[in-house]
Protein backbone atom coordinates (compact mmCIF):
# COMPACT_ATOMS: atom_id res chain seq x y z
CA MET A 1 0.00 0.00 0.00
CA THR A 2 2.90 2.35 0.66
CA ARG A 3 4.10 1.76 -2.89
CA TRP A 4 0.64 2.50 -4.27
CA ARG A 5 0.55 5.68 -2.21
CA LEU A 6 3.92 6.75 -3.75
CA VAL A 7 2.64 5.93 -7.23
CA LEU A 8 -0.70 7.72 -6.87
CA GLY A 9 0.77 10.84 -5.31
CA GLY A 10 -1.32 11.34 -2.17
CA GLU A 11 -4.25 13.21 -3.65
CA GLU A 12 -7.56 12.93 -1.82
CA ALA A 13 -8.88 10.34 -4.28
CA ASP A 14 -5.91 7.99 -4.18
CA GLY A 15 -7.82 5.70 -1.81
CA THR A 16 -4.85 4.33 0.13
CA ASP A 17 -5.24 6.21 3.42
CA VAL A 18 -1.48 5.70 3.91
CA GLU A 19 0.51 8.19 5.96
CA LEU A 20 4.15 8.32 4.90
CA SER A 21 7.03 8.49 7.33
CA GLY A 22 10.82 8.36 7.37
CA ASP A 23 12.56 7.90 4.01
CA ASP A 24 9.23 7.47 2.23
CA VAL A 25 8.55 11.19 2.74
CA GLN A 26 11.76 12.01 0.87
CA ARG A 27 10.89 9.50 -1.86
CA ASP A 28 7.48 11.12 -2.28
CA GLN A 29 9.04 14.57 -2.54
CA ALA A 30 11.54 13.42 -5.18
CA LEU A 31 8.73 11.80 -7.19
CA SER A 32 6.57 14.91 -6.90
CA GLU A 33 9.34 17.17 -8.18
CA LEU A 34 9.54 15.06 -11.30
CA TYR A 35 6.05 13.78 -12.03
CA ASP A 36 3.91 16.58 -10.55
CA ALA A 37 5.99 19.35 -12.15
CA ARG A 38 4.74 21.12 -15.26
CA ARG A 39 6.37 19.58 -18.33
CA GLY A 40 9.31 21.71 -19.46
CA SER A 41 9.49 23.67 -16.21
CA GLY A 42 12.97 22.29 -15.52
CA SER A 43 14.68 24.67 -17.90
CA GLY A 44 14.50 27.39 -15.28
CA ARG A 45 15.88 25.31 -12.46
CA SER A 46 19.32 25.93 -11.06
CA ALA A 47 21.98 23.29 -11.48
CA PRO A 48 22.61 23.01 -7.68
CA ARG A 49 18.91 22.29 -7.04
CA VAL A 50 18.80 19.63 -9.76
CA ALA A 51 22.07 18.16 -8.47
CA ARG A 52 20.50 17.83 -5.02
CA TRP A 53 17.46 16.14 -6.57
CA LEU A 54 19.71 13.71 -8.45
CA GLY A 55 21.53 12.94 -5.22
CA ASP A 56 18.20 12.30 -3.48
CA ILE A 57 16.95 9.80 -6.02
CA ARG A 58 20.26 7.92 -5.85
CA THR A 59 19.87 7.77 -2.07
CA TYR A 60 16.24 6.66 -1.92
CA PHE A 61 15.74 4.49 -5.01
CA PRO A 62 17.51 1.43 -6.48
CA SER A 63 19.80 1.85 -9.46
CA SER A 64 17.30 0.56 -12.03
CA VAL A 65 14.68 3.10 -10.88
CA VAL A 66 17.24 5.93 -10.85
CA GLN A 67 17.99 5.32 -14.53
CA VAL A 68 14.28 5.51 -15.41
CA MET A 69 13.79 8.71 -13.39
CA GLN A 70 16.85 10.36 -14.94
CA ALA A 71 15.56 9.55 -18.42
CA ASP A 72 12.10 10.89 -17.53
CA ALA A 73 13.65 14.06 -16.13
CA MET A 74 15.41 14.69 -19.46
CA GLN A 75 12.12 14.41 -21.32
CA ARG A 76 9.66 15.99 -18.88
CA LEU A 77 11.75 18.75 -17.34
CA GLY A 78 14.03 19.70 -20.23
CA LEU A 79 17.29 19.17 -18.34
CA HIS A 80 19.55 18.85 -21.39
CA GLU A 81 20.90 22.37 -20.99
CA LEU A 82 21.68 21.84 -17.32
CA LEU A 83 23.71 18.75 -18.21
CA LEU A 84 26.30 21.17 -19.51
CA GLU A 85 27.10 22.10 -15.90
CA PRO A 86 30.00 20.03 -14.47
CA GLU A 87 28.54 19.84 -10.95
CA LEU A 88 25.32 18.39 -12.35
CA MET A 89 27.08 15.75 -14.43
CA GLU A 90 29.02 14.69 -11.34
CA ALA A 91 25.69 14.05 -9.58
CA VAL A 92 24.13 11.97 -12.34
CA GLN A 93 24.37 8.17 -12.25
CA PRO A 94 26.28 7.24 -15.42
CA ASP A 95 24.46 4.89 -17.80
CA VAL A 96 24.08 4.26 -21.53
CA GLY A 97 21.13 6.67 -21.75
CA LEU A 98 23.17 9.50 -20.26
CA VAL A 99 26.10 8.79 -22.58
CA SER A 100 23.71 8.84 -25.55
CA THR A 101 22.50 12.27 -24.41
CA LEU A 102 26.05 13.59 -24.01
CA VAL A 103 26.99 12.28 -27.46
CA GLY A 104 24.09 14.30 -28.88
CA LEU A 105 25.22 17.40 -26.98
CA ASN A 106 28.97 17.04 -27.48
CA ARG A 107 29.24 19.91 -30.00
CA VAL A 108 27.74 22.39 -27.50
CA ILE A 109 29.36 21.19 -24.27
CA PRO A 110 31.35 24.16 -22.92
CA GLU A 111 35.04 23.77 -22.20
CA ARG A 112 34.47 23.92 -18.42
CA SER A 113 32.28 20.81 -18.63
CA ARG A 114 34.13 18.79 -21.28
CA ALA A 115 36.51 17.00 -18.89
CA THR A 116 33.62 15.98 -16.64
CA ALA A 117 31.60 14.79 -19.63
CA ARG A 118 34.50 12.68 -20.87
CA ALA A 119 34.92 11.18 -17.39
CA VAL A 120 31.22 10.22 -17.30
CA VAL A 121 31.45 8.66 -20.76
CA ARG A 122 34.62 6.78 -19.86
CA THR A 123 33.01 5.33 -16.74
CA VAL A 124 30.20 3.84 -18.80
CA THR A 125 32.35 2.59 -21.70
CA ASP A 126 34.79 0.97 -19.26
CA GLN A 127 31.91 -0.82 -17.57
CA LEU A 128 30.51 -1.98 -20.90
CA GLU A 129 33.90 -3.16 -22.12
CA GLU A 130 34.46 -5.13 -18.91
CA ARG A 131 31.05 -6.75 -19.35
CA LEU A 132 31.35 -7.54 -23.06
CA ARG A 133 35.06 -8.13 -23.70
CA ALA A 134 35.50 -11.72 -22.48
CA GLU A 135 32.50 -13.09 -24.36
CA THR A 136 33.40 -11.21 -27.55
CA VAL A 137 37.02 -12.37 -27.54
CA GLN A 138 36.00 -15.95 -26.79
CA ALA A 139 33.33 -16.04 -29.52
CA VAL A 140 35.46 -14.42 -32.22
CA THR A 141 38.70 -16.29 -31.51
CA GLY A 142 36.79 -19.55 -31.25
CA ALA A 143 35.22 -18.97 -34.65
CA LEU A 144 38.59 -18.06 -36.15
CA ASP A 145 40.11 -21.25 -34.73
CA ARG A 146 37.32 -23.30 -36.30
CA ALA A 147 37.83 -21.53 -39.62
CA ALA A 148 41.55 -22.33 -39.49
CA ARG A 149 41.09 -26.05 -38.90
CA THR A 150 41.77 -28.42 -41.73
CA ARG A 151 41.04 -32.10 -42.28
CA ARG A 152 44.30 -32.52 -44.14
CA PRO A 153 46.80 -31.17 -41.65
CA ARG A 154 50.51 -31.64 -41.94
CA PRO A 155 51.82 -34.10 -39.31
CA SER A 156 53.21 -31.28 -37.20
CA ASP A 157 49.83 -29.49 -37.29
CA ILE A 158 47.62 -32.37 -36.15
CA ASP A 159 45.47 -31.55 -33.11
CA TRP A 160 45.70 -34.95 -31.39
CA GLY A 161 43.13 -34.19 -28.72
CA ARG A 162 40.41 -33.30 -31.22
CA THR A 163 41.52 -36.07 -33.58
CA ILE A 164 41.13 -38.73 -30.87
CA ALA A 165 37.77 -37.31 -29.79
CA ALA A 166 36.54 -37.36 -33.41
CA ASN A 167 37.58 -41.00 -33.89
CA LEU A 168 36.56 -42.68 -30.63
CA GLU A 169 34.07 -44.83 -32.54
CA HIS A 170 37.07 -46.43 -34.25
CA TYR A 171 38.65 -47.67 -31.02
CA LEU A 172 40.07 -51.21 -31.31
CA PRO A 173 40.02 -52.89 -27.88
CA GLU A 174 42.35 -55.70 -28.93
CA HIS A 175 45.01 -53.16 -29.85
CA ARG A 176 44.01 -50.62 -27.22
CA THR A 177 44.25 -47.86 -29.78
CA VAL A 178 42.16 -45.51 -31.91
CA ILE A 179 42.36 -45.70 -35.68
CA PRO A 180 42.19 -42.04 -36.84
CA GLU A 181 40.16 -42.19 -40.04
CA ARG A 182 39.68 -38.42 -39.89
CA LEU A 183 42.50 -36.08 -38.91
CA VAL A 184 41.72 -32.77 -37.26
CA GLY A 185 44.26 -30.00 -37.13
CA HIS A 186 45.07 -26.40 -37.71
CA ALA A 187 46.47 -24.85 -40.81
CA ARG A 188 50.09 -23.85 -40.38
CA ARG A 189 50.14 -20.94 -37.97
CA THR A 190 50.47 -17.56 -39.54
CA THR A 191 50.52 -14.03 -38.28
CA ARG A 192 48.40 -12.70 -41.13
CA VAL A 193 44.99 -11.18 -40.46
CA GLN A 194 42.23 -13.78 -40.87
CA ARG A 195 39.17 -11.50 -41.03
CA HIS A 196 38.35 -7.87 -41.77
CA VAL A 197 35.36 -6.41 -39.90
CA VAL A 198 33.89 -3.13 -41.16
CA LEU A 199 31.49 -1.37 -38.76
CA CYS A 200 29.55 1.33 -40.63
CA ILE A 201 27.35 3.36 -38.27
CA ASP A 202 24.51 5.76 -39.03
CA GLN A 203 24.73 9.00 -36.99
CA SER A 204 20.96 9.59 -36.97
CA GLY A 205 19.66 10.72 -33.60
CA SER A 206 17.77 7.44 -33.10
CA MET A 207 21.04 5.49 -33.38
CA ALA A 208 22.77 7.07 -30.35
CA GLU A 209 22.63 3.96 -28.16
CA SER A 210 23.83 1.82 -31.08
CA ILE A 211 26.83 4.12 -31.52
CA VAL A 212 27.77 3.73 -27.85
CA TYR A 213 27.80 -0.07 -28.06
CA SER A 214 29.49 -0.06 -31.49
CA SER A 215 32.35 2.04 -30.14
CA VAL A 216 32.94 -0.49 -27.34
CA PHE A 217 32.80 -3.51 -29.65
CA GLY A 218 35.09 -1.72 -32.10
CA ALA A 219 37.69 -1.24 -29.36
CA VAL A 220 37.48 -4.92 -28.36
CA LEU A 221 37.79 -6.16 -31.95
CA ALA A 222 40.68 -3.77 -32.58
CA SER A 223 42.60 -5.47 -29.78
CA LEU A 224 42.57 -8.83 -31.63
CA ARG A 225 45.60 -9.36 -33.86
CA SER A 226 43.82 -11.77 -36.16
CA VAL A 227 41.03 -9.28 -36.92
CA ALA A 228 41.46 -6.03 -38.83
CA THR A 229 38.66 -3.65 -37.85
CA SER A 230 37.48 -0.47 -39.54
CA LEU A 231 34.99 1.91 -37.96
CA VAL A 232 33.12 4.41 -40.13
CA VAL A 233 30.34 6.82 -39.14
CA PHE A 234 28.17 8.79 -41.51
CA ASP A 235 25.36 11.26 -42.03
CA THR A 236 25.54 13.08 -45.36
CA GLU A 237 29.32 12.95 -44.93
CA VAL A 238 31.50 9.94 -44.16
CA VAL A 239 34.07 9.97 -41.35
CA ASP A 240 36.59 7.18 -40.84
CA LEU A 241 37.29 6.84 -37.09
CA THR A 242 39.46 3.74 -37.35
CA ALA A 243 42.49 5.62 -36.01
CA GLU A 244 40.56 6.51 -32.81
CA MET A 245 38.93 3.11 -32.43
CA THR A 246 41.10 1.84 -29.56
CA ASP A 247 39.52 4.48 -27.30
CA PRO A 248 35.67 4.45 -27.33
CA VAL A 249 35.59 7.89 -25.70
CA ASP A 250 37.50 9.44 -28.62
CA VAL A 251 35.10 7.72 -31.01
CA LEU A 252 32.01 9.01 -29.24
CA PHE A 253 33.30 12.57 -29.06
CA GLY A 254 34.09 12.34 -32.78
CA VAL A 255 30.45 11.62 -33.61
CA GLN A 256 27.92 14.26 -34.67
CA LEU A 257 24.37 13.02 -34.13
CA GLY A 258 21.54 14.30 -36.30
CA GLY A 259 21.55 15.79 -39.75
CA GLY A 260 20.79 14.04 -43.01
CA THR A 261 21.61 10.50 -44.07
CA ASP A 262 23.40 9.23 -47.17
CA ILE A 263 23.72 5.48 -46.75
CA ASN A 264 24.73 5.00 -50.37
CA ARG A 265 27.73 7.28 -49.93
CA ALA A 266 28.79 5.42 -46.78
CA ILE A 267 28.50 2.03 -48.47
CA ALA A 268 30.53 3.33 -51.41
CA TYR A 269 33.32 4.38 -49.04
CA CYS A 270 33.27 1.05 -47.18
CA GLN A 271 33.22 -0.86 -50.44
CA GLY A 272 36.59 0.70 -51.14
CA LEU A 273 37.92 -0.73 -47.86
CA ILE A 274 37.17 -4.32 -48.89
CA ALA A 275 40.37 -5.87 -50.26
CA THR A 276 39.61 -9.57 -49.61
CA PRO A 277 35.83 -10.06 -49.87
CA ALA A 278 35.84 -13.69 -48.73
CA GLU A 279 37.41 -12.62 -45.43
CA THR A 280 35.33 -9.47 -44.91
CA ILE A 281 32.31 -8.98 -42.65
CA PHE A 282 30.50 -5.71 -43.37
CA VAL A 283 28.11 -4.60 -40.62
CA LEU A 284 25.83 -1.69 -41.56
CA ILE A 285 24.15 -0.26 -38.44
CA SER A 286 21.32 1.99 -39.60
CA ASP A 287 17.57 2.57 -39.49
CA LEU A 288 17.81 2.55 -43.33
CA TYR A 289 16.03 5.87 -43.88
CA GLU A 290 17.98 6.80 -46.99
CA GLY A 291 18.41 10.42 -47.95
CA GLY A 292 20.69 9.55 -50.85
CA ILE A 293 20.04 7.39 -53.89
CA ALA A 294 18.24 4.26 -52.68
CA GLU A 295 18.69 2.36 -55.95
CA GLU A 296 22.45 2.91 -55.76
CA MET A 297 22.48 1.81 -52.13
CA LEU A 298 20.85 -1.49 -53.07
CA ARG A 299 23.07 -1.95 -56.13
CA ARG A 300 26.26 -1.46 -54.11
CA SER A 301 25.00 -3.82 -51.41
CA ALA A 302 24.31 -6.46 -54.05
CA GLU A 303 27.85 -5.99 -55.40
CA ILE A 304 29.32 -6.52 -51.92
CA VAL A 305 27.33 -9.72 -51.43
CA GLY A 306 28.16 -10.88 -54.94
CA SER A 307 31.87 -10.36 -54.32
CA GLY A 308 31.77 -12.98 -51.57
CA ALA A 309 31.77 -10.67 -48.56
CA THR A 310 29.33 -11.19 -45.68
CA MET A 311 27.01 -8.22 -45.15
CA VAL A 312 24.37 -7.70 -42.47
CA ALA A 313 22.20 -4.67 -41.68
CA LEU A 314 21.56 -4.09 -37.99
CA LEU A 315 18.55 -1.85 -37.46
CA ALA A 316 19.83 -1.30 -33.93
CA LEU A 317 22.64 -2.55 -31.68
CA SER A 318 21.02 -1.76 -28.36
CA ASP A 319 19.11 -3.10 -25.37
CA SER A 320 16.05 -1.02 -26.21
CA GLY A 321 15.11 -2.84 -29.42
CA ALA A 322 14.70 -1.63 -32.98
CA PRO A 323 13.74 2.00 -33.55
CA SER A 324 11.46 3.07 -36.37
CA TYR A 325 13.10 1.95 -39.60
CA ASP A 326 12.45 1.87 -43.34
CA ALA A 327 10.76 -1.52 -43.76
CA GLU A 328 10.77 -1.28 -47.55
CA HIS A 329 14.54 -0.84 -47.73
CA ALA A 330 15.09 -3.54 -45.11
CA ALA A 331 13.02 -6.01 -47.14
CA ALA A 332 14.83 -5.02 -50.35
CA LEU A 333 18.19 -5.70 -48.69
CA ALA A 334 16.95 -9.07 -47.46
CA GLU A 335 15.96 -9.97 -51.01
CA ILE A 336 19.56 -9.51 -52.21
CA GLY A 337 21.05 -11.53 -49.37
CA VAL A 338 21.58 -8.87 -46.68
CA PRO A 339 19.60 -9.90 -43.58
CA ALA A 340 18.21 -6.94 -41.62
CA PHE A 341 17.26 -7.15 -37.95
CA ALA A 342 17.95 -5.56 -34.57
CA CYS A 343 20.50 -7.15 -32.24
CA THR A 344 21.15 -6.77 -28.53
CA PRO A 345 24.74 -6.22 -27.32
CA ASP A 346 24.72 -9.56 -25.50
CA LEU A 347 24.01 -11.40 -28.77
CA PHE A 348 26.47 -9.44 -30.92
CA PRO A 349 29.52 -11.64 -30.08
CA ASP A 350 27.63 -14.75 -31.19
CA LEU A 351 26.48 -12.91 -34.34
CA MET A 352 30.12 -12.16 -35.21
CA ALA A 353 31.04 -15.80 -34.60
CA ALA A 354 28.22 -16.92 -36.90
CA ALA A 355 29.44 -14.51 -39.59
CA ILE A 356 33.02 -15.80 -39.30
CA ASP A 357 31.69 -19.38 -39.50
CA ARG A 358 29.80 -18.31 -42.65
CA ARG A 359 26.52 -19.53 -41.22
CA ASP A 360 23.22 -18.29 -42.63
CA LEU A 361 22.60 -15.14 -40.57
CA SER A 362 18.85 -15.18 -41.22
CA GLN A 363 18.71 -18.67 -39.72
CA TRP A 364 20.94 -17.50 -36.86
CA ALA A 365 18.47 -14.70 -36.14
CA ALA A 366 15.53 -17.11 -36.25
CA SER A 367 17.29 -19.44 -33.80
CA HIS A 368 17.44 -16.53 -31.34
CA ASP A 369 13.78 -15.56 -31.91
CA ILE A 370 14.80 -12.39 -33.74
CA VAL A 371 12.31 -11.23 -36.35
CA THR A 372 14.09 -10.30 -39.56
CA ALA A 373 12.92 -7.66 -41.98
CA HIS A 374 12.21 -10.34 -44.60
CA SER A 375 9.82 -12.26 -42.38
CA THR A 376 8.11 -9.01 -41.36
CA ALA A 377 7.57 -8.10 -45.01
CA THR A 378 6.25 -11.60 -45.75
CA ASP A 379 3.85 -11.50 -42.80
């Protein structure tokens, strides 16, 4: 009943007859400042007052609720301008939503706040990298190892453990030995790059969360010697951020959200990066609202697929699901062999492993209950 009283706000008609006491009084006050305030009234608030409010909600609510309330405060109270104050950013609980907001504001963040903003962004990207690195490295290196195996290994390259396991059915008890009818091994070790991953990211405002995760995955992939990784962002212009890719913070502060979209131009640039198609995985992360020449976009995509490269269109790389996207373009890409679907960050490592293994990515999506653009168009 106390929770219902906090939800309903204590008006005469709330029907709970609950009297609040202790910390619940402070919780009710923090909720009232947000949800009983006139929408947009926050623009006149002072940064110290908002900072105190942010401190209160972190004291009286669990982390998951704090993130929701911070996001609601941005929308309902218009706090974007106040985020430019360093003391306010220090009071906010860092999360992906906040980083997405700062990425959108990065061109107007004053110099006095820039160091604090970078520190907030680094806190979140470090946390994400710690969470995602191990699984990504394991999935990608495992797939590369499988790709490097051969059934005709040289004697010095035979993997005896896997060979024995693969031939246990041929065990001869009288000789107490296994007859290896099938040899399993690795190709002769080489230091050359085995795969080239191209991450091409739309800078539309709706893609902010996807850009945050892409920057982290780009940094992880860049740390693998056997994978060459390129990171490209675009609106109507194309910017190659590969040189900054080892530091996600530099990538995010090199992004300019908003503006127009020319997917065709971005694909044309990335097409020029593909030197060995059979070893290239091209990941286009976009809502597919094309402001350029759509026919050219589809033609270039067909050329990439026809060359032997693996191409996939991610409508979002985020926890929040797919944003609004151009269903017609997504279906057209699916028709030429470019599956289009949204992907969560936790599934992205396995997606990359499937691409390296050259599995059917539409079937991979179906196995994870992900609805692809093709099936949506068919339905």
